[in-house]
Amino acid sequence: MNLKGHIALYGGSFNPPHVGHQMACLYALETLQADALWLLPSVTHPLGKSLIAYEHRKAMLECLARPFDGRTDISLAEQECGSSRTFDIVEYLQKKHPEQRFAWIVGADILQEKTSWYRWEDLEKMLPIVVLGRSGYASEETLLPALPQVSSSEIRRLCAQGKDIGALVPFAVADYIQKHDLYRS
């Protein structure tokens, strides 16, 4: 698949963002050739899971995006449109930016949940959905190679235990977590 002429949209709770997220950005930009990539942090978790403050997650995404030299941006679309549903966010962005073509980036783990997503079939008709491989989630719909099996919940658990997370998150994100004493309790 080639995303030349598209802005890749990559949403998530990013609680915290990790190297798997960063590698997905790199893959969308360099291998799939997306013109740009917009990260869309969830304001609230769609399944009601607890998240640290939006401002911290947004700041960590800015750390994650730095190496991409301006080709990756943080979109506040979820905040602006007032919905956490992907369909509503994409519809909002398409109306706000009618001159742009978008594609949605998801990990293979999402395919197991797509029946619970609001208007998934309509979303598939609205824009290309690119399913990136993820270790532990086999699917014929995914692009290879599989991204490493890194979990934000595992990173939070390690932080709470005071253990090193340096191999799981970009250095700037690890530094931010330490400076702000996040995920300790």
N, C-alpha and C. Protein backbone atom coordinates (compact mmCIF):
# COMPACT_ATOMS: atom_id res chain seq x y z
N MET A 1 0.85 -1.18 0.00
CA MET A 1 0.00 0.00 0.00
C MET A 1 0.89 1.24 0.00
N ASN A 2 0.46 2.24 -0.72
CA ASN A 2 1.18 3.50 -0.79
C ASN A 2 0.24 4.62 -0.33
N LEU A 3 0.71 5.45 0.59
CA LEU A 3 -0.11 6.55 1.11
C LEU A 3 0.33 7.91 0.61
N LYS A 4 1.08 7.93 -0.49
CA LYS A 4 1.49 9.22 -1.06
C LYS A 4 0.23 10.04 -1.35
N GLY A 5 0.24 11.30 -0.94
CA GLY A 5 -0.93 12.16 -1.11
C GLY A 5 -1.91 12.10 0.05
N HIS A 6 -1.61 11.29 1.06
CA HIS A 6 -2.49 11.14 2.22
C HIS A 6 -1.81 11.65 3.49
N ILE A 7 -2.64 12.07 4.41
CA ILE A 7 -2.19 12.31 5.78
C ILE A 7 -2.62 11.08 6.57
N ALA A 8 -1.67 10.42 7.20
CA ALA A 8 -1.98 9.25 8.02
C ALA A 8 -2.44 9.73 9.39
N LEU A 9 -3.54 9.19 9.86
CA LEU A 9 -4.09 9.51 11.17
C LEU A 9 -3.82 8.32 12.08
N TYR A 10 -3.25 8.60 13.23
CA TYR A 10 -2.89 7.53 14.16
C TYR A 10 -3.39 7.91 15.55
N GLY A 11 -4.46 7.28 15.97
CA GLY A 11 -5.08 7.61 17.24
C GLY A 11 -4.78 6.59 18.31
N GLY A 12 -4.93 7.02 19.55
CA GLY A 12 -4.73 6.12 20.66
C GLY A 12 -4.74 6.86 21.98
N SER A 13 -4.71 6.10 23.06
CA SER A 13 -4.64 6.75 24.37
C SER A 13 -3.22 7.21 24.66
N PHE A 14 -2.22 6.52 24.11
CA PHE A 14 -0.81 6.90 24.28
C PHE A 14 -0.50 7.15 25.75
N ASN A 15 -0.74 6.12 26.55
CA ASN A 15 -0.66 6.25 28.01
C ASN A 15 0.34 5.27 28.62
N PRO A 16 1.63 5.40 28.36
CA PRO A 16 2.35 6.43 27.60
C PRO A 16 2.63 5.96 26.17
N PRO A 17 3.06 6.89 25.32
CA PRO A 17 3.50 6.48 23.98
C PRO A 17 4.83 5.72 24.11
N HIS A 18 5.03 4.74 23.24
CA HIS A 18 6.22 3.90 23.34
C HIS A 18 6.87 3.68 21.98
N VAL A 19 7.94 2.88 21.97
CA VAL A 19 8.70 2.68 20.73
C VAL A 19 7.87 2.02 19.64
N GLY A 20 6.90 1.19 20.00
CA GLY A 20 6.01 0.61 18.99
C GLY A 20 5.22 1.69 18.27
N HIS A 21 4.73 2.68 19.02
CA HIS A 21 4.03 3.82 18.41
C HIS A 21 4.97 4.59 17.49
N GLN A 22 6.19 4.82 17.97
CA GLN A 22 7.15 5.59 17.18
C GLN A 22 7.52 4.84 15.89
N MET A 23 7.67 3.52 15.99
CA MET A 23 7.99 2.73 14.80
C MET A 23 6.82 2.72 13.81
N ALA A 24 5.59 2.74 14.32
CA ALA A 24 4.43 2.82 13.43
C ALA A 24 4.44 4.15 12.67
N CYS A 25 4.81 5.23 13.34
CA CYS A 25 4.93 6.53 12.67
C CYS A 25 5.98 6.47 11.57
N LEU A 26 7.13 5.94 11.90
CA LEU A 26 8.22 5.82 10.92
C LEU A 26 7.78 4.99 9.72
N TYR A 27 7.10 3.89 9.97
CA TYR A 27 6.64 3.01 8.90
C TYR A 27 5.66 3.74 7.98
N ALA A 28 4.70 4.47 8.58
CA ALA A 28 3.72 5.20 7.78
C ALA A 28 4.38 6.27 6.92
N LEU A 29 5.36 6.96 7.49
CA LEU A 29 6.02 8.05 6.77
C LEU A 29 7.04 7.56 5.74
N GLU A 30 7.85 6.61 6.11
CA GLU A 30 8.96 6.21 5.25
C GLU A 30 8.65 5.05 4.32
N THR A 31 7.94 4.05 4.80
CA THR A 31 7.65 2.89 3.97
C THR A 31 6.38 3.08 3.17
N LEU A 32 5.33 3.56 3.81
CA LEU A 32 4.06 3.79 3.12
C LEU A 32 4.01 5.15 2.42
N GLN A 33 4.99 6.01 2.70
CA GLN A 33 5.17 7.31 2.05
C GLN A 33 4.03 8.30 2.28
N ALA A 34 3.40 8.25 3.46
CA ALA A 34 2.38 9.26 3.78
C ALA A 34 3.04 10.64 3.74
N ASP A 35 2.29 11.64 3.29
CA ASP A 35 2.82 13.00 3.22
C ASP A 35 3.09 13.55 4.62
N ALA A 36 2.26 13.17 5.57
CA ALA A 36 2.39 13.61 6.96
C ALA A 36 1.65 12.61 7.82
N LEU A 37 1.86 12.74 9.13
CA LEU A 37 1.16 11.88 10.08
C LEU A 37 0.67 12.74 11.22
N TRP A 38 -0.61 12.58 11.56
CA TRP A 38 -1.19 13.31 12.68
C TRP A 38 -1.49 12.31 13.79
N LEU A 39 -0.96 12.57 14.96
CA LEU A 39 -1.24 11.77 16.14
C LEU A 39 -2.48 12.33 16.82
N LEU A 40 -3.42 11.48 17.17
CA LEU A 40 -4.68 11.91 17.78
C LEU A 40 -4.83 11.26 19.15
N PRO A 41 -4.37 11.96 20.20
CA PRO A 41 -4.51 11.38 21.54
C PRO A 41 -5.96 11.42 22.01
N SER A 42 -6.40 10.32 22.61
CA SER A 42 -7.75 10.24 23.15
C SER A 42 -7.88 11.18 24.35
N VAL A 43 -8.97 11.90 24.40
CA VAL A 43 -9.26 12.73 25.56
C VAL A 43 -9.67 11.83 26.72
N THR A 44 -10.57 10.91 26.41
CA THR A 44 -10.99 9.89 27.37
C THR A 44 -10.86 8.54 26.69
N HIS A 45 -10.63 7.49 27.45
CA HIS A 45 -10.50 6.16 26.86
C HIS A 45 -11.88 5.67 26.45
N PRO A 46 -12.02 5.18 25.20
CA PRO A 46 -13.35 4.76 24.74
C PRO A 46 -13.94 3.61 25.56
N LEU A 47 -13.10 2.82 26.24
CA LEU A 47 -13.59 1.72 27.06
C LEU A 47 -13.59 2.07 28.54
N GLY A 48 -13.40 3.37 28.84
CA GLY A 48 -13.50 3.85 30.22
C GLY A 48 -12.27 3.61 31.09
N LYS A 49 -11.16 3.19 30.49
CA LYS A 49 -9.94 2.98 31.29
C LYS A 49 -9.40 4.32 31.79
N SER A 50 -8.73 4.26 32.92
CA SER A 50 -8.16 5.46 33.52
C SER A 50 -6.93 5.92 32.73
N LEU A 51 -6.83 7.22 32.51
CA LEU A 51 -5.71 7.81 31.78
C LEU A 51 -5.10 8.93 32.63
N ILE A 52 -3.79 9.14 32.48
CA ILE A 52 -3.21 10.31 33.13
C ILE A 52 -3.66 11.54 32.35
N ALA A 53 -3.39 12.70 32.87
CA ALA A 53 -3.86 13.96 32.28
C ALA A 53 -3.51 14.05 30.79
N TYR A 54 -4.47 14.54 30.04
CA TYR A 54 -4.33 14.74 28.60
C TYR A 54 -3.08 15.56 28.27
N GLU A 55 -2.81 16.59 29.07
CA GLU A 55 -1.67 17.47 28.82
C GLU A 55 -0.35 16.69 28.87
N HIS A 56 -0.24 15.74 29.80
CA HIS A 56 0.98 14.92 29.88
C HIS A 56 1.11 14.01 28.67
N ARG A 57 0.00 13.39 28.27
CA ARG A 57 0.06 12.48 27.11
C ARG A 57 0.37 13.26 25.84
N LYS A 58 -0.18 14.44 25.71
CA LYS A 58 0.11 15.29 24.55
C LYS A 58 1.58 15.70 24.55
N ALA A 59 2.11 16.08 25.71
CA ALA A 59 3.53 16.47 25.80
C ALA A 59 4.45 15.30 25.47
N MET A 60 4.09 14.09 25.93
CA MET A 60 4.91 12.93 25.59
C MET A 60 4.86 12.62 24.10
N LEU A 61 3.70 12.85 23.48
CA LEU A 61 3.61 12.66 22.02
C LEU A 61 4.49 13.66 21.28
N GLU A 62 4.58 14.88 21.80
CA GLU A 62 5.48 15.86 21.19
C GLU A 62 6.92 15.38 21.28
N CYS A 63 7.30 14.75 22.38
CA CYS A 63 8.64 14.16 22.52
C CYS A 63 8.83 13.04 21.49
N LEU A 64 7.82 12.19 21.36
CA LEU A 64 7.88 11.07 20.41
C LEU A 64 8.02 11.57 18.97
N ALA A 65 7.36 12.68 18.64
CA ALA A 65 7.31 13.19 17.27
C ALA A 65 8.55 13.98 16.85
N ARG A 66 9.35 14.44 17.81
CA ARG A 66 10.51 15.30 17.48
C ARG A 66 11.42 14.75 16.37
N PRO A 67 11.78 13.49 16.39
CA PRO A 67 12.70 13.00 15.36
C PRO A 67 12.15 13.05 13.93
N PHE A 68 10.86 13.27 13.77
CA PHE A 68 10.27 13.25 12.44
C PHE A 68 10.29 14.61 11.75
N ASP A 69 11.00 15.56 12.33
CA ASP A 69 11.31 16.83 11.68
C ASP A 69 10.09 17.53 11.07
N GLY A 70 9.03 17.65 11.88
CA GLY A 70 7.88 18.41 11.42
C GLY A 70 6.90 17.65 10.55
N ARG A 71 7.19 16.40 10.22
CA ARG A 71 6.25 15.64 9.38
C ARG A 71 5.16 14.97 10.20
N THR A 72 5.30 15.03 11.51
CA THR A 72 4.31 14.46 12.42
C THR A 72 3.81 15.58 13.32
N ASP A 73 2.50 15.63 13.48
CA ASP A 73 1.90 16.68 14.29
C ASP A 73 0.89 16.05 15.26
N ILE A 74 0.56 16.78 16.30
CA ILE A 74 -0.45 16.35 17.26
C ILE A 74 -1.75 17.04 16.87
N SER A 75 -2.79 16.26 16.61
CA SER A 75 -4.09 16.82 16.26
C SER A 75 -4.99 16.82 17.49
N LEU A 76 -5.69 17.91 17.68
CA LEU A 76 -6.62 18.04 18.79
C LEU A 76 -8.06 17.78 18.31
N ALA A 77 -8.19 17.03 17.23
CA ALA A 77 -9.49 16.81 16.61
C ALA A 77 -10.51 16.22 17.56
N GLU A 78 -10.09 15.28 18.41
CA GLU A 78 -11.06 14.68 19.33
C GLU A 78 -11.60 15.73 20.29
N GLN A 79 -10.73 16.58 20.79
CA GLN A 79 -11.15 17.66 21.68
C GLN A 79 -12.08 18.63 20.94
N GLU A 80 -11.72 18.96 19.71
CA GLU A 80 -12.48 19.93 18.93
C GLU A 80 -13.86 19.42 18.53
N CYS A 81 -13.95 18.15 18.14
CA CYS A 81 -15.25 17.65 17.66
C CYS A 81 -16.12 17.13 18.80
N GLY A 82 -15.53 16.92 19.98
CA GLY A 82 -16.31 16.53 21.14
C GLY A 82 -16.75 15.08 21.16
N SER A 83 -16.09 14.23 20.39
CA SER A 83 -16.44 12.81 20.38
C SER A 83 -15.17 11.98 20.40
N SER A 84 -15.22 10.83 21.07
CA SER A 84 -14.07 9.93 21.07
C SER A 84 -14.23 8.83 20.03
N ARG A 85 -15.30 8.86 19.28
CA ARG A 85 -15.54 7.84 18.25
C ARG A 85 -14.72 8.16 17.00
N THR A 86 -13.99 7.16 16.53
CA THR A 86 -13.13 7.35 15.36
C THR A 86 -13.93 7.84 14.16
N PHE A 87 -15.11 7.26 13.93
CA PHE A 87 -15.94 7.68 12.80
C PHE A 87 -16.22 9.17 12.87
N ASP A 88 -16.62 9.66 14.05
CA ASP A 88 -16.94 11.08 14.22
C ASP A 88 -15.72 11.96 14.00
N ILE A 89 -14.57 11.51 14.49
CA ILE A 89 -13.33 12.29 14.34
C ILE A 89 -12.93 12.39 12.87
N VAL A 90 -13.00 11.27 12.16
CA VAL A 90 -12.65 11.28 10.73
C VAL A 90 -13.63 12.16 9.96
N GLU A 91 -14.91 12.03 10.25
CA GLU A 91 -15.91 12.86 9.59
C GLU A 91 -15.64 14.34 9.84
N TYR A 92 -15.30 14.68 11.08
CA TYR A 92 -14.97 16.06 11.45
C TYR A 92 -13.75 16.54 10.65
N LEU A 93 -12.69 15.73 10.60
CA LEU A 93 -11.47 16.14 9.89
C LEU A 93 -11.72 16.28 8.39
N GLN A 94 -12.52 15.40 7.81
CA GLN A 94 -12.82 15.50 6.39
C GLN A 94 -13.61 16.76 6.06
N LYS A 95 -14.49 17.17 6.96
CA LYS A 95 -15.24 18.41 6.74
C LYS A 95 -14.36 19.64 6.96
N LYS A 96 -13.49 19.57 7.95
CA LYS A 96 -12.61 20.70 8.27
C LYS A 96 -11.52 20.88 7.22
N HIS A 97 -11.06 19.78 6.63
CA HIS A 97 -9.98 19.80 5.64
C HIS A 97 -10.41 19.07 4.37
N PRO A 98 -11.37 19.62 3.63
CA PRO A 98 -11.90 18.91 2.45
C PRO A 98 -10.85 18.70 1.35
N GLU A 99 -9.78 19.47 1.39
CA GLU A 99 -8.74 19.34 0.37
C GLU A 99 -7.77 18.19 0.67
N GLN A 100 -7.86 17.61 1.85
CA GLN A 100 -6.92 16.56 2.28
C GLN A 100 -7.52 15.17 2.08
N ARG A 101 -6.61 14.24 1.81
CA ARG A 101 -6.99 12.82 1.80
C ARG A 101 -6.34 12.19 3.03
N PHE A 102 -7.13 11.41 3.75
CA PHE A 102 -6.66 10.81 4.98
C PHE A 102 -6.63 9.29 4.86
N ALA A 103 -5.81 8.67 5.69
CA ALA A 103 -5.80 7.22 5.89
C ALA A 103 -5.72 7.01 7.40
N TRP A 104 -6.29 5.91 7.88
CA TRP A 104 -6.28 5.61 9.31
C TRP A 104 -5.31 4.48 9.57
N ILE A 105 -4.42 4.66 10.55
CA ILE A 105 -3.43 3.65 10.92
C ILE A 105 -3.88 2.99 12.22
N VAL A 106 -3.94 1.66 12.22
CA VAL A 106 -4.26 0.91 13.44
C VAL A 106 -3.30 -0.28 13.55
N GLY A 107 -3.19 -0.79 14.75
CA GLY A 107 -2.42 -2.00 14.98
C GLY A 107 -3.32 -3.21 14.81
N ALA A 108 -2.72 -4.36 14.54
CA ALA A 108 -3.47 -5.60 14.30
C ALA A 108 -4.33 -5.98 15.50
N ASP A 109 -3.97 -5.54 16.70
CA ASP A 109 -4.77 -5.86 17.88
C ASP A 109 -6.18 -5.26 17.79
N ILE A 110 -6.33 -4.19 17.03
CA ILE A 110 -7.63 -3.52 16.89
C ILE A 110 -8.62 -4.38 16.10
N LEU A 111 -8.12 -5.22 15.21
CA LEU A 111 -9.02 -6.02 14.39
C LEU A 111 -9.93 -6.90 15.25
N GLN A 112 -9.44 -7.33 16.40
CA GLN A 112 -10.27 -8.15 17.30
C GLN A 112 -11.41 -7.34 17.90
N GLU A 113 -11.27 -6.02 17.92
CA GLU A 113 -12.27 -5.15 18.55
C GLU A 113 -13.18 -4.44 17.55
N LYS A 114 -12.93 -4.59 16.26
CA LYS A 114 -13.62 -3.73 15.29
C LYS A 114 -15.14 -3.89 15.31
N THR A 115 -15.65 -5.02 15.72
CA THR A 115 -17.11 -5.17 15.78
C THR A 115 -17.73 -4.30 16.87
N SER A 116 -16.91 -3.90 17.84
CA SER A 116 -17.44 -3.04 18.91
C SER A 116 -17.25 -1.55 18.59
N TRP A 117 -16.55 -1.25 17.50
CA TRP A 117 -16.33 0.15 17.13
C TRP A 117 -17.60 0.72 16.50
N TYR A 118 -17.84 1.98 16.77
CA TYR A 118 -18.97 2.69 16.21
C TYR A 118 -18.78 2.86 14.70
N ARG A 119 -19.68 2.28 13.92
CA ARG A 119 -19.74 2.42 12.45
C ARG A 119 -18.42 2.03 11.75
N TRP A 120 -17.84 0.90 12.16
CA TRP A 120 -16.59 0.43 11.54
C TRP A 120 -16.74 0.27 10.03
N GLU A 121 -17.82 -0.34 9.56
CA GLU A 121 -17.98 -0.56 8.12
C GLU A 121 -18.06 0.76 7.36
N ASP A 122 -18.71 1.75 7.94
CA ASP A 122 -18.78 3.07 7.31
C ASP A 122 -17.40 3.73 7.31
N LEU A 123 -16.65 3.52 8.38
CA LEU A 123 -15.29 4.06 8.47
C LEU A 123 -14.43 3.48 7.34
N GLU A 124 -14.56 2.20 7.08
CA GLU A 124 -13.79 1.55 6.01
C GLU A 124 -14.12 2.15 4.64
N LYS A 125 -15.34 2.66 4.47
CA LYS A 125 -15.74 3.27 3.20
C LYS A 125 -15.23 4.71 3.08
N MET A 126 -14.98 5.35 4.23
CA MET A 126 -14.59 6.77 4.26
C MET A 126 -13.14 7.00 3.88
N LEU A 127 -12.27 6.04 4.22
CA LEU A 127 -10.84 6.25 4.01
C LEU A 127 -10.13 4.91 4.09
N PRO A 128 -8.92 4.83 3.52
CA PRO A 128 -8.14 3.60 3.66
C PRO A 128 -7.78 3.37 5.12
N ILE A 129 -7.91 2.13 5.58
CA ILE A 129 -7.49 1.75 6.92
C ILE A 129 -6.29 0.82 6.76
N VAL A 130 -5.18 1.25 7.32
CA VAL A 130 -3.93 0.49 7.23
C VAL A 130 -3.73 -0.23 8.55
N VAL A 131 -3.66 -1.55 8.49
CA VAL A 131 -3.48 -2.36 9.69
C VAL A 131 -2.02 -2.80 9.76
N LEU A 132 -1.31 -2.27 10.74
CA LEU A 132 0.10 -2.62 10.92
C LEU A 132 0.21 -3.87 11.77
N GLY A 133 1.14 -4.72 11.41
CA GLY A 133 1.38 -5.94 12.17
C GLY A 133 1.80 -5.61 13.59
N ARG A 134 1.46 -6.50 14.50
CA ARG A 134 1.86 -6.34 15.89
C ARG A 134 2.14 -7.73 16.44
N SER A 135 3.28 -7.89 17.08
CA SER A 135 3.63 -9.19 17.63
C SER A 135 2.51 -9.73 18.49
N GLY A 136 2.18 -10.99 18.28
CA GLY A 136 1.14 -11.63 19.07
C GLY A 136 -0.25 -11.51 18.47
N TYR A 137 -0.39 -10.81 17.34
CA TYR A 137 -1.70 -10.63 16.70
C TYR A 137 -1.57 -10.95 15.21
N ALA A 138 -1.82 -12.20 14.86
CA ALA A 138 -1.72 -12.61 13.46
C ALA A 138 -3.01 -12.27 12.71
N SER A 139 -2.86 -11.78 11.49
CA SER A 139 -4.02 -11.47 10.67
C SER A 139 -3.57 -11.36 9.22
N GLU A 140 -4.44 -11.80 8.32
CA GLU A 140 -4.14 -11.67 6.89
C GLU A 140 -4.29 -10.23 6.41
N GLU A 141 -4.95 -9.39 7.20
CA GLU A 141 -5.20 -8.01 6.81
C GLU A 141 -4.05 -7.07 7.18
N THR A 142 -3.02 -7.58 7.85
CA THR A 142 -1.97 -6.70 8.35
C THR A 142 -0.82 -6.56 7.37
N LEU A 143 -0.15 -5.43 7.50
CA LEU A 143 1.08 -5.21 6.76
C LEU A 143 2.24 -5.69 7.63
N LEU A 144 3.23 -6.23 7.01
CA LEU A 144 4.41 -6.68 7.75
C LEU A 144 5.50 -5.66 7.58
N PRO A 145 6.48 -5.59 8.41
CA PRO A 145 6.77 -6.49 9.52
C PRO A 145 5.96 -6.11 10.75
N ALA A 146 5.86 -7.07 11.65
CA ALA A 146 5.14 -6.82 12.90
C ALA A 146 5.96 -5.89 13.78
N LEU A 147 5.29 -4.96 14.41
CA LEU A 147 5.95 -4.06 15.35
C LEU A 147 6.21 -4.82 16.65
N PRO A 148 7.18 -4.38 17.44
CA PRO A 148 7.50 -5.12 18.66
C PRO A 148 6.33 -5.14 19.65
N GLN A 149 6.31 -6.18 20.44
CA GLN A 149 5.25 -6.33 21.43
C GLN A 149 5.59 -5.48 22.65
N VAL A 150 5.15 -4.24 22.60
CA VAL A 150 5.35 -3.30 23.69
C VAL A 150 3.97 -2.86 24.14
N SER A 151 3.78 -2.81 25.44
CA SER A 151 2.47 -2.49 25.97
C SER A 151 2.56 -1.31 26.93
N SER A 152 1.68 -0.34 26.73
CA SER A 152 1.63 0.81 27.64
C SER A 152 1.31 0.37 29.06
N SER A 153 0.44 -0.63 29.22
CA SER A 153 0.11 -1.09 30.57
C SER A 153 1.33 -1.72 31.25
N GLU A 154 2.16 -2.42 30.48
CA GLU A 154 3.40 -2.98 31.04
C GLU A 154 4.36 -1.86 31.45
N ILE A 155 4.44 -0.82 30.64
CA ILE A 155 5.30 0.32 30.97
C ILE A 155 4.80 0.99 32.25
N ARG A 156 3.50 1.17 32.39
CA ARG A 156 2.95 1.76 33.62
C ARG A 156 3.27 0.89 34.83
N ARG A 157 3.17 -0.42 34.67
CA ARG A 157 3.47 -1.35 35.77
C ARG A 157 4.94 -1.23 36.18
N LEU A 158 5.84 -1.18 35.20
CA LEU A 158 7.27 -1.04 35.49
C LEU A 158 7.57 0.29 36.18
N CYS A 159 6.92 1.35 35.73
CA CYS A 159 7.11 2.66 36.37
C CYS A 159 6.66 2.61 37.83
N ALA A 160 5.52 1.99 38.08
CA ALA A 160 4.99 1.91 39.44
C ALA A 160 5.95 1.14 40.35
N GLN A 161 6.72 0.21 39.76
CA GLN A 161 7.69 -0.57 40.53
C GLN A 161 9.06 0.09 40.57
N GLY A 162 9.19 1.25 39.92
CA GLY A 162 10.46 1.96 39.91
C GLY A 162 11.50 1.31 39.01
N LYS A 163 11.07 0.52 38.05
CA LYS A 163 12.00 -0.20 37.16
C LYS A 163 12.28 0.61 35.89
N ASP A 164 13.35 0.26 35.22
CA ASP A 164 13.80 0.95 34.02
C ASP A 164 12.87 0.66 32.84
N ILE A 165 12.48 1.71 32.13
CA ILE A 165 11.63 1.57 30.93
C ILE A 165 12.37 2.03 29.68
N GLY A 166 13.68 2.26 29.80
CA GLY A 166 14.46 2.84 28.72
C GLY A 166 14.42 2.08 27.41
N ALA A 167 14.23 0.79 27.42
CA ALA A 167 14.19 0.01 26.18
C ALA A 167 12.80 0.01 25.55
N LEU A 168 11.81 0.57 26.23
CA LEU A 168 10.43 0.48 25.77
C LEU A 168 9.85 1.80 25.27
N VAL A 169 10.47 2.91 25.62
CA VAL A 169 9.98 4.23 25.21
C VAL A 169 11.14 5.05 24.65
N PRO A 170 10.86 6.01 23.77
CA PRO A 170 11.92 6.90 23.33
C PRO A 170 12.54 7.61 24.53
N PHE A 171 13.82 7.94 24.44
CA PHE A 171 14.53 8.57 25.55
C PHE A 171 13.80 9.81 26.06
N ALA A 172 13.34 10.65 25.15
CA ALA A 172 12.68 11.91 25.56
C ALA A 172 11.39 11.62 26.34
N VAL A 173 10.69 10.55 26.00
CA VAL A 173 9.47 10.18 26.73
C VAL A 173 9.85 9.67 28.12
N ALA A 174 10.88 8.81 28.21
CA ALA A 174 11.34 8.31 29.51
C ALA A 174 11.75 9.48 30.41
N ASP A 175 12.46 10.44 29.83
CA ASP A 175 12.91 11.61 30.57
C ASP A 175 11.71 12.42 31.08
N TYR A 176 10.70 12.59 30.23
CA TYR A 176 9.49 13.32 30.63
C TYR A 176 8.78 12.60 31.78
N ILE A 177 8.64 11.29 31.67
CA ILE A 177 7.98 10.51 32.72
C ILE A 177 8.71 10.67 34.03
N GLN A 178 10.04 10.61 33.98
CA GLN A 178 10.83 10.75 35.20
C GLN A 178 10.72 12.15 35.79
N LYS A 179 10.85 13.18 34.95
CA LYS A 179 10.79 14.56 35.44
C LYS A 179 9.46 14.90 36.08
N HIS A 180 8.37 14.30 35.57
CA HIS A 180 7.03 14.60 36.08
C HIS A 180 6.52 13.52 37.02
N ASP A 181 7.38 12.56 37.33
CA ASP A 181 7.05 11.50 38.28
C ASP A 181 5.71 10.83 37.95
N LEU A 182 5.58 10.44 36.69
CA LEU A 182 4.32 9.84 36.22
C LEU A 182 4.29 8.34 36.46
N TYR A 183 3.11 7.82 36.60
CA TYR A 183 2.84 6.38 36.71
C TYR A 183 3.46 5.73 37.95
N ARG A 184 3.73 6.49 38.97
CA ARG A 184 4.34 5.95 40.18
C ARG A 184 3.33 5.25 41.08
N SER A 185 2.09 5.70 41.09
CA SER A 185 1.12 5.09 42.00
C SER A 185 0.02 4.41 41.21
